[in-house]
């Protein structure tokens, strides 16, 4: 009986995906900068649980929380699965491959896990100053360049729902 239980337990352990092999950490001194080559070519920034930018309209924000690797992958899967119906532009799925990511996780007033996902595309390698700013501030600006090179989403990990940030704001007013 113990042997059977041990075999089942080992099968479960080895059957679980190893997200640390999917998610890369290009900057060994900063674990908040990630790369997921399976989903995108550039980098992602995972903001800490105590970061809440004032310029975001998150009126149901209760508190931030630390994203787990499986939640980041889940957000990317939801983005890929829902992309054709959720973007402000109609392009192919590979379009997301060129975007830099920013992930901001929080718990809402319904105790649901939410990710604000910002995607930003540069037509050239961004400057060191741009990268430094990108890694410290959530990028949401209403300028023409941003209108054509960014997308923002609210991803509810509890309900597996994804909506453009603009529709999320409309629903909260």
Protein backbone atom coordinates (compact mmCIF):
# COMPACT_ATOMS: atom_id res chain seq x y z
CA UNK A 1 0.00 0.00 0.00
CA UNK A 2 2.80 2.43 0.92
CA UNK A 3 4.68 1.53 -2.23
CA UNK A 4 1.59 2.21 -4.38
CA UNK A 5 1.07 5.59 -2.66
CA UNK A 6 4.72 6.50 -3.24
CA UNK A 7 4.50 5.62 -6.95
CA UNK A 8 1.35 7.73 -7.35
CA UNK A 9 2.95 10.64 -5.49
CA UNK A 10 6.10 10.51 -7.64
CA UNK A 11 3.99 10.42 -10.81
CA UNK A 12 2.12 13.51 -9.68
CA UNK A 13 5.33 15.36 -8.85
CA UNK A 14 6.93 14.58 -12.20
CA UNK A 15 3.70 15.32 -14.11
CA UNK A 16 3.51 18.89 -12.81
CA UNK A 17 4.95 21.46 -15.20
CA UNK A 18 8.27 22.97 -14.20
CA UNK A 19 7.68 26.68 -14.80
CA UNK A 20 11.23 27.54 -13.78
CA UNK A 21 12.33 25.92 -17.03
CA UNK A 22 9.83 27.98 -19.06
CA UNK A 23 10.43 31.32 -17.30
CA UNK A 24 13.96 32.68 -17.61
CA UNK A 25 15.63 35.28 -15.41
CA UNK A 26 18.02 37.22 -17.68
CA UNK A 27 19.26 39.51 -14.89
CA UNK A 28 20.57 37.24 -12.12
CA UNK A 29 20.56 40.13 -9.65
CA UNK A 30 16.89 41.03 -10.30
CA UNK A 31 14.29 38.25 -10.11
CA UNK A 32 11.51 40.68 -11.10
CA UNK A 33 12.78 40.80 -14.69
CA UNK A 34 11.67 37.72 -16.60
CA UNK A 35 11.65 36.30 -20.09
CA UNK A 36 9.36 33.61 -21.48
CA UNK A 37 10.75 32.76 -24.94
CA UNK A 38 7.82 30.45 -25.64
CA UNK A 39 5.50 33.48 -25.50
CA UNK A 40 7.64 36.54 -26.24
CA UNK A 41 11.11 37.67 -27.36
CA UNK A 42 11.70 40.58 -24.98
CA UNK A 43 11.48 40.95 -21.21
CA UNK A 44 8.75 41.21 -18.63
CA UNK A 45 8.67 43.10 -15.34
CA UNK A 46 6.81 41.63 -12.36
CA UNK A 47 6.03 44.43 -9.92
CA UNK A 48 6.23 43.81 -6.20
CA UNK A 49 3.12 43.36 -4.09
CA UNK A 50 3.52 46.77 -2.44
CA UNK A 51 3.54 48.71 -5.74
CA UNK A 52 0.27 50.37 -6.75
CA UNK A 53 0.52 53.17 -9.30
CA UNK A 54 -1.80 56.08 -8.67
CA UNK A 55 -2.46 56.70 -12.39
CA UNK A 56 -4.25 53.35 -12.81
CA UNK A 57 -7.97 53.32 -12.26
CA UNK A 58 -8.25 50.24 -10.01
CA UNK A 59 -11.10 51.17 -7.69
CA UNK A 60 -11.65 47.54 -6.64
CA UNK A 61 -7.97 47.19 -5.61
CA UNK A 62 -7.66 45.86 -2.05
CA UNK A 63 -4.02 44.82 -1.87
CA UNK A 64 -1.17 43.66 -4.04
CA UNK A 65 0.20 40.14 -4.00
CA UNK A 66 3.27 38.32 -5.32
CA UNK A 67 2.64 36.55 -8.61
CA UNK A 68 3.61 32.90 -8.82
CA UNK A 69 5.26 31.54 -11.97
CA UNK A 70 2.22 29.42 -12.85
CA UNK A 71 0.01 32.53 -12.67
CA UNK A 72 2.25 34.38 -15.11
CA UNK A 73 2.03 31.46 -17.54
CA UNK A 74 -1.75 31.30 -17.04
CA UNK A 75 -2.00 35.01 -17.91
CA UNK A 76 0.01 34.47 -21.10
CA UNK A 77 -2.18 31.50 -22.07
CA UNK A 78 -5.36 33.55 -21.49
CA UNK A 79 -3.89 36.37 -23.59
CA UNK A 80 -3.01 34.00 -26.46
CA UNK A 81 -6.36 32.19 -26.35
CA UNK A 82 -8.41 35.39 -26.28
CA UNK A 83 -6.25 37.64 -28.44
CA UNK A 84 -8.35 37.84 -31.62
CA UNK A 85 -11.38 39.17 -29.76
CA UNK A 86 -9.64 41.32 -27.16
CA UNK A 87 -7.13 43.57 -28.93
CA UNK A 88 -7.74 47.08 -30.19
CA UNK A 89 -5.86 46.02 -33.34
CA UNK A 90 -6.53 43.08 -35.62
CA UNK A 91 -3.25 41.27 -36.16
CA UNK A 92 -1.98 37.76 -35.89
CA UNK A 93 -1.05 36.10 -32.60
CA UNK A 94 2.67 36.51 -33.28
CA UNK A 95 2.13 40.23 -32.81
CA UNK A 96 2.40 39.69 -29.01
CA UNK A 97 5.84 38.09 -29.40
CA UNK A 98 7.49 41.47 -29.91
CA UNK A 99 5.96 43.21 -26.89
CA UNK A 100 7.65 43.88 -23.57
CA UNK A 101 5.45 42.99 -20.56
CA UNK A 102 4.60 44.50 -17.21
CA UNK A 103 2.66 42.46 -14.66
CA UNK A 104 0.93 44.04 -11.67
CA UNK A 105 -0.99 41.62 -9.44
CA UNK A 106 -3.65 42.53 -6.91
CA UNK A 107 -6.61 41.16 -4.96
CA UNK A 108 -9.90 42.90 -5.71
CA UNK A 109 -12.83 43.58 -3.38
CA UNK A 110 -14.38 40.19 -4.34
CA UNK A 111 -11.18 38.44 -3.16
CA UNK A 112 -10.27 37.55 -6.76
CA UNK A 113 -6.71 37.48 -8.11
CA UNK A 114 -6.24 40.07 -10.84
CA UNK A 115 -3.32 40.95 -13.12
CA UNK A 116 -2.97 44.29 -14.87
CA UNK A 117 -0.92 43.35 -17.96
CA UNK A 118 0.75 46.10 -19.97
CA UNK A 119 2.24 45.24 -23.38
CA UNK A 120 4.60 47.65 -25.09
CA UNK A 121 6.23 47.34 -28.52
CA UNK A 122 9.36 49.18 -29.57
CA UNK A 123 10.38 49.36 -33.23
CA UNK A 124 14.02 49.32 -32.14
CA UNK A 125 15.95 48.26 -29.07
CA UNK A 126 14.93 50.67 -26.30
CA UNK A 127 17.55 52.84 -24.64
CA UNK A 128 18.93 52.01 -21.20
CA UNK A 129 16.98 54.98 -19.82
CA UNK A 130 13.74 53.60 -21.29
CA UNK A 131 14.44 50.15 -19.87
CA UNK A 132 15.24 51.58 -16.44
CA UNK A 133 12.02 53.61 -16.43
CA UNK A 134 10.02 50.64 -17.74
CA UNK A 135 11.31 48.47 -14.89
CA UNK A 136 10.30 50.97 -12.19
CA UNK A 137 6.98 52.45 -13.38
CA UNK A 138 3.86 50.95 -14.95
CA UNK A 139 3.72 52.50 -18.39
CA UNK A 140 0.31 53.94 -19.08
CA UNK A 141 0.29 57.25 -20.91
CA UNK A 142 -2.30 58.72 -23.26
CA UNK A 143 -0.03 59.79 -26.09
CA UNK A 144 -0.15 58.93 -29.78
CA UNK A 145 2.89 56.61 -29.64
CA UNK A 146 1.32 54.62 -26.82
CA UNK A 147 -1.98 54.39 -28.69
CA UNK A 148 -0.25 52.56 -31.55
CA UNK A 149 2.35 50.54 -29.65
CA UNK A 150 0.72 49.38 -26.42
CA UNK A 151 -2.14 47.26 -25.15
CA UNK A 152 -3.39 46.88 -21.58
CA UNK A 153 -5.49 44.07 -20.14
CA UNK A 154 -7.13 43.12 -16.89
CA UNK A 155 -6.85 39.38 -16.34
CA UNK A 156 -8.98 37.77 -13.65
CA UNK A 157 -7.13 34.59 -12.67
CA UNK A 158 -10.02 33.46 -10.45
CA UNK A 159 -12.65 33.54 -13.22
CA UNK A 160 -10.24 33.05 -16.18
CA UNK A 161 -11.54 36.22 -17.79
CA UNK A 162 -9.55 38.81 -19.75
CA UNK A 163 -10.77 42.25 -20.82
CA UNK A 164 -9.02 45.25 -22.30
CA UNK A 165 -8.19 47.81 -19.62
CA UNK A 166 -10.36 50.39 -21.44
CA UNK A 167 -13.45 48.15 -21.07
CA UNK A 168 -12.56 47.47 -17.43
CA UNK A 169 -12.50 51.23 -16.75
CA UNK A 170 -15.84 51.74 -18.53
CA UNK A 171 -17.40 49.05 -16.37
CA UNK A 172 -16.18 50.70 -13.17
CA UNK A 173 -17.52 54.21 -13.81
